[in-house]
N, C-alpha and C. Protein backbone atom coordinates (compact mmCIF):
# COMPACT_ATOMS: atom_id res chain seq x y z
N MET A 1 -22.55 -22.83 25.92
CA MET A 1 -20.56 -22.60 26.78
C MET A 1 -20.91 -21.13 27.07
N GLU A 2 -20.93 -20.85 28.16
CA GLU A 2 -21.17 -19.40 29.21
C GLU A 2 -19.71 -18.51 29.17
N PRO A 3 -19.88 -17.15 28.47
CA PRO A 3 -18.72 -16.92 28.52
C PRO A 3 -18.18 -15.94 30.25
N SER A 4 -17.15 -16.51 30.86
CA SER A 4 -17.11 -16.40 31.85
C SER A 4 -16.85 -15.07 32.26
N ASP A 5 -16.70 -13.81 31.15
CA ASP A 5 -16.39 -12.66 31.87
C ASP A 5 -17.50 -11.79 32.27
N LYS A 6 -18.19 -12.14 31.11
CA LYS A 6 -19.99 -11.74 31.46
C LYS A 6 -20.12 -9.97 30.38
N LEU A 7 -19.32 -9.88 29.27
CA LEU A 7 -19.26 -8.55 28.83
C LEU A 7 -20.22 -8.87 27.79
N THR A 8 -20.84 -7.01 28.11
CA THR A 8 -22.20 -6.28 27.22
C THR A 8 -21.46 -5.65 25.94
N GLU A 9 -23.08 -6.14 25.27
CA GLU A 9 -21.98 -5.28 23.98
C GLU A 9 -21.93 -4.17 24.02
N GLU A 10 -22.24 -2.74 25.31
CA GLU A 10 -21.84 -1.86 25.25
C GLU A 10 -20.00 -2.19 25.70
N ASN A 11 -19.49 -3.08 26.71
CA ASN A 11 -18.70 -2.80 27.14
C ASN A 11 -17.74 -3.53 25.86
N VAL A 12 -17.95 -3.86 24.84
CA VAL A 12 -17.66 -4.50 23.86
C VAL A 12 -16.80 -3.95 22.48
N ARG A 13 -18.46 -2.74 22.84
CA ARG A 13 -18.55 -2.11 21.52
C ARG A 13 -17.06 -0.73 21.63
N ALA A 14 -16.91 -0.08 23.67
CA ALA A 14 -15.62 0.51 23.78
C ALA A 14 -14.76 -0.26 24.14
N ILE A 15 -14.52 -1.58 24.32
CA ILE A 15 -13.24 -1.64 23.86
C ILE A 15 -12.62 -1.87 22.36
N VAL A 16 -13.57 -2.36 21.38
CA VAL A 16 -13.35 -2.24 20.14
C VAL A 16 -13.07 -0.80 19.40
N ARG A 17 -13.37 0.46 20.24
CA ARG A 17 -12.88 1.67 19.88
C ARG A 17 -12.30 2.21 20.53
N ASP A 18 -11.67 2.35 21.74
CA ASP A 18 -10.25 1.94 22.28
C ASP A 18 -9.05 1.94 21.94
N GLU A 19 -9.21 0.69 20.99
CA GLU A 19 -8.47 -0.29 20.69
C GLU A 19 -7.85 0.10 18.61
N LEU A 20 -9.36 0.65 17.84
CA LEU A 20 -8.95 1.31 16.77
C LEU A 20 -8.57 2.32 16.37
N ILE A 21 -9.38 3.41 17.74
CA ILE A 21 -7.91 4.40 17.98
C ILE A 21 -6.83 4.42 18.45
N GLY A 22 -5.92 3.86 19.25
CA GLY A 22 -5.15 3.38 19.17
C GLY A 22 -4.09 2.97 18.31
N THR A 23 -4.57 1.84 17.25
CA THR A 23 -4.53 1.09 16.40
C THR A 23 -4.27 2.46 15.41
N SER A 24 -5.38 3.56 15.20
CA SER A 24 -5.00 4.07 13.78
C SER A 24 -3.41 5.47 14.35
N ARG A 25 -3.84 5.48 15.73
CA ARG A 25 -2.39 6.41 15.76
C ARG A 25 -1.23 5.58 15.52
N THR A 26 -0.50 4.86 16.43
CA THR A 26 -0.25 3.85 15.58
C THR A 26 0.61 3.82 14.05
N LEU A 27 -0.73 3.49 13.66
CA LEU A 27 -0.56 3.39 12.21
C LEU A 27 0.04 4.42 11.55
N ILE A 28 -0.44 6.13 12.26
CA ILE A 28 0.32 7.16 11.05
C ILE A 28 1.52 7.10 11.37
N GLY A 29 1.78 6.81 12.91
CA GLY A 29 2.97 7.15 13.72
C GLY A 29 4.46 6.77 13.11
N THR A 30 4.17 5.83 12.87
CA THR A 30 4.65 4.46 11.86
C THR A 30 4.85 4.79 10.45
N ILE A 31 3.60 5.62 9.97
CA ILE A 31 4.28 6.19 8.37
C ILE A 31 5.17 7.33 8.60
N PHE A 32 4.69 8.15 9.57
CA PHE A 32 5.46 9.54 9.88
C PHE A 32 6.71 9.14 9.58
N TRP A 33 7.33 8.32 11.14
CA TRP A 33 8.37 7.76 10.93
C TRP A 33 9.60 7.07 9.90
N THR A 34 8.66 6.30 9.02
CA THR A 34 9.14 5.53 7.55
C THR A 34 9.49 6.17 6.68
N THR A 35 8.75 7.80 6.52
CA THR A 35 9.08 9.31 5.42
C THR A 35 10.24 9.12 5.94
N LEU A 36 9.91 9.66 7.63
CA LEU A 36 11.34 10.81 8.27
C LEU A 36 13.02 9.88 7.61
N ALA A 37 12.74 8.74 8.59
CA ALA A 37 14.22 7.29 7.75
C ALA A 37 14.54 7.78 6.37
N VAL A 38 13.03 7.66 5.13
CA VAL A 38 13.63 7.56 4.24
C VAL A 38 14.20 8.15 3.51
N PHE A 39 14.19 9.83 3.87
CA PHE A 39 14.00 11.73 3.82
C PHE A 39 15.61 11.01 4.16
N ALA A 40 15.96 10.74 5.22
CA ALA A 40 16.94 11.48 5.68
C ALA A 40 17.60 10.26 5.60
N VAL A 41 17.71 8.78 4.97
CA VAL A 41 18.91 8.08 3.95
C VAL A 41 19.21 9.06 2.28
N LEU A 42 18.21 9.36 2.19
CA LEU A 42 18.59 10.50 0.88
C LEU A 42 19.44 11.89 1.66
N VAL A 43 19.13 12.01 2.67
CA VAL A 43 20.38 13.12 2.72
C VAL A 43 21.70 12.55 3.36
N GLY A 44 21.79 11.38 3.69
CA GLY A 44 22.87 10.82 4.21
C GLY A 44 23.61 10.73 2.34
N PHE A 45 23.61 9.85 2.10
CA PHE A 45 23.84 9.87 0.61
C PHE A 45 23.91 10.90 -0.08
N GLN A 46 23.35 12.11 -0.48
CA GLN A 46 23.67 13.59 -0.71
C GLN A 46 24.45 13.78 -0.10
N LEU A 47 24.69 13.14 1.52
CA LEU A 47 26.30 14.55 2.42
C LEU A 47 27.28 13.52 2.35
N PHE A 48 27.30 12.41 1.23
CA PHE A 48 27.81 11.09 0.16
C PHE A 48 28.71 12.10 -0.82
N GLN A 49 27.57 12.56 -2.35
CA GLN A 49 27.48 13.34 -3.23
C GLN A 49 28.29 14.35 -2.85
N LEU A 50 27.61 15.16 -1.53
CA LEU A 50 28.77 16.55 -1.22
C LEU A 50 30.02 16.34 -0.71
N ALA A 51 30.12 15.11 -0.18
CA ALA A 51 31.86 15.36 0.03
C ALA A 51 32.73 14.93 -0.58
N PHE A 52 31.96 14.67 -2.13
CA PHE A 52 33.83 14.26 -2.60
C PHE A 52 33.38 15.99 -3.93
N THR A 53 32.65 16.63 -3.54
CA THR A 53 32.18 17.77 -4.66
C THR A 53 33.25 19.17 -4.17
N THR A 54 33.77 18.41 -2.80
CA THR A 54 35.42 19.71 -1.94
C THR A 54 36.08 19.60 -2.33
N SER A 55 36.78 20.21 -1.77
CA SER A 55 38.37 20.41 -1.99
C SER A 55 39.36 20.86 -1.59
N SER A 56 38.57 20.67 0.23
CA SER A 56 39.64 20.33 1.11
C SER A 56 38.90 19.16 2.30
N VAL A 57 40.22 18.33 2.39
CA VAL A 57 40.11 17.17 2.61
C VAL A 57 39.64 16.51 3.79
N LEU A 58 39.38 18.22 5.19
CA LEU A 58 38.87 18.38 6.03
C LEU A 58 37.30 17.69 5.88
N ALA A 59 37.24 18.52 5.07
CA ALA A 59 35.96 18.59 4.69
C ALA A 59 35.22 17.33 3.90
N LEU A 60 36.28 17.03 3.14
CA LEU A 60 35.87 15.76 2.25
C LEU A 60 35.32 14.55 4.03
N VAL A 61 36.15 14.63 5.21
CA VAL A 61 36.19 13.52 6.04
C VAL A 61 35.35 13.92 6.77
N GLY A 62 34.49 14.98 6.69
CA GLY A 62 33.69 15.89 7.76
C GLY A 62 32.36 15.10 7.24
N PHE A 63 32.70 15.68 6.06
CA PHE A 63 30.97 15.18 5.62
C PHE A 63 31.18 13.63 5.12
N ILE A 64 31.85 13.53 4.63
CA ILE A 64 32.28 11.74 4.92
C ILE A 64 30.87 10.94 6.26
N LEU A 65 31.65 11.53 7.35
CA LEU A 65 31.63 10.92 8.70
C LEU A 65 29.74 11.68 9.55
N ALA A 66 30.02 12.41 8.77
CA ALA A 66 27.90 13.02 9.11
C ALA A 66 27.22 12.52 7.27
N GLY A 67 27.88 12.14 6.73
CA GLY A 67 27.02 11.28 5.89
C GLY A 67 26.71 9.53 6.42
N VAL A 68 27.69 8.62 7.11
CA VAL A 68 27.59 7.23 7.79
C VAL A 68 26.80 7.83 9.11
N LEU A 69 27.00 8.91 9.86
CA LEU A 69 26.18 8.89 10.89
C LEU A 69 24.64 8.90 10.57
N VAL A 70 24.40 9.77 9.85
CA VAL A 70 22.68 10.10 9.06
C VAL A 70 22.34 8.91 8.80
N LEU A 71 23.26 8.20 7.29
CA LEU A 71 22.69 7.06 7.45
C LEU A 71 22.52 6.34 8.00
N GLY A 72 23.93 5.48 8.95
CA GLY A 72 22.90 4.86 10.06
C GLY A 72 22.51 4.89 11.36
N ALA A 73 21.91 5.88 11.35
CA ALA A 73 20.51 6.24 12.14
C ALA A 73 19.17 6.16 11.27
N SER A 74 19.32 6.66 10.19
CA SER A 74 18.16 6.28 9.65
C SER A 74 17.72 5.12 9.81
N LEU A 75 18.81 4.26 8.99
CA LEU A 75 18.46 2.17 8.76
C LEU A 75 18.09 1.72 9.73
N TYR A 76 19.12 2.43 10.90
CA TYR A 76 18.86 1.84 12.58
C TYR A 76 17.16 1.81 12.70
N LEU A 77 16.70 3.41 12.72
CA LEU A 77 15.65 3.44 12.33
C LEU A 77 14.69 2.43 11.51
N LEU A 78 14.99 2.86 10.69
CA LEU A 78 13.80 2.03 10.02
C LEU A 78 13.84 0.49 10.23
N TYR A 79 15.38 -0.12 10.81
CA TYR A 79 14.72 -1.15 11.07
C TYR A 79 14.17 -2.49 12.51
N LEU A 80 14.26 -1.15 13.45
CA LEU A 80 13.53 -0.40 14.53
C LEU A 80 11.93 -1.10 14.34
N LEU A 81 11.60 -0.15 12.90
CA LEU A 81 10.10 0.14 12.93
C LEU A 81 9.60 -1.41 12.12
N HIS A 82 10.40 -1.66 11.41
CA HIS A 82 10.20 -2.40 10.06
C HIS A 82 10.11 -4.07 10.71
N TRP A 83 11.48 -4.06 11.04
CA TRP A 83 12.40 -6.00 11.03
C TRP A 83 12.82 -6.07 12.66
N GLU A 84 12.30 -5.87 12.98
CA GLU A 84 12.32 -6.08 14.60
C GLU A 84 11.18 -6.64 15.24
């Protein structure tokens, strides 16, 4: 059975090399964005903690809204990176 595309060993090596470079860039990017999203989750929880230590109602509402925004955005990024 003869291959239909007539690839040489040099062509195969070049294709594999290009794909490995692309895959390693994708892997490094995924690790970077995952780490960033996990830290953002922690920042969101910290905003909730900070909200309950303030004495002003306006500051409480602001910190809670900021915490919800940061936490929601970071969880959505994690969802896009790993579960979609």
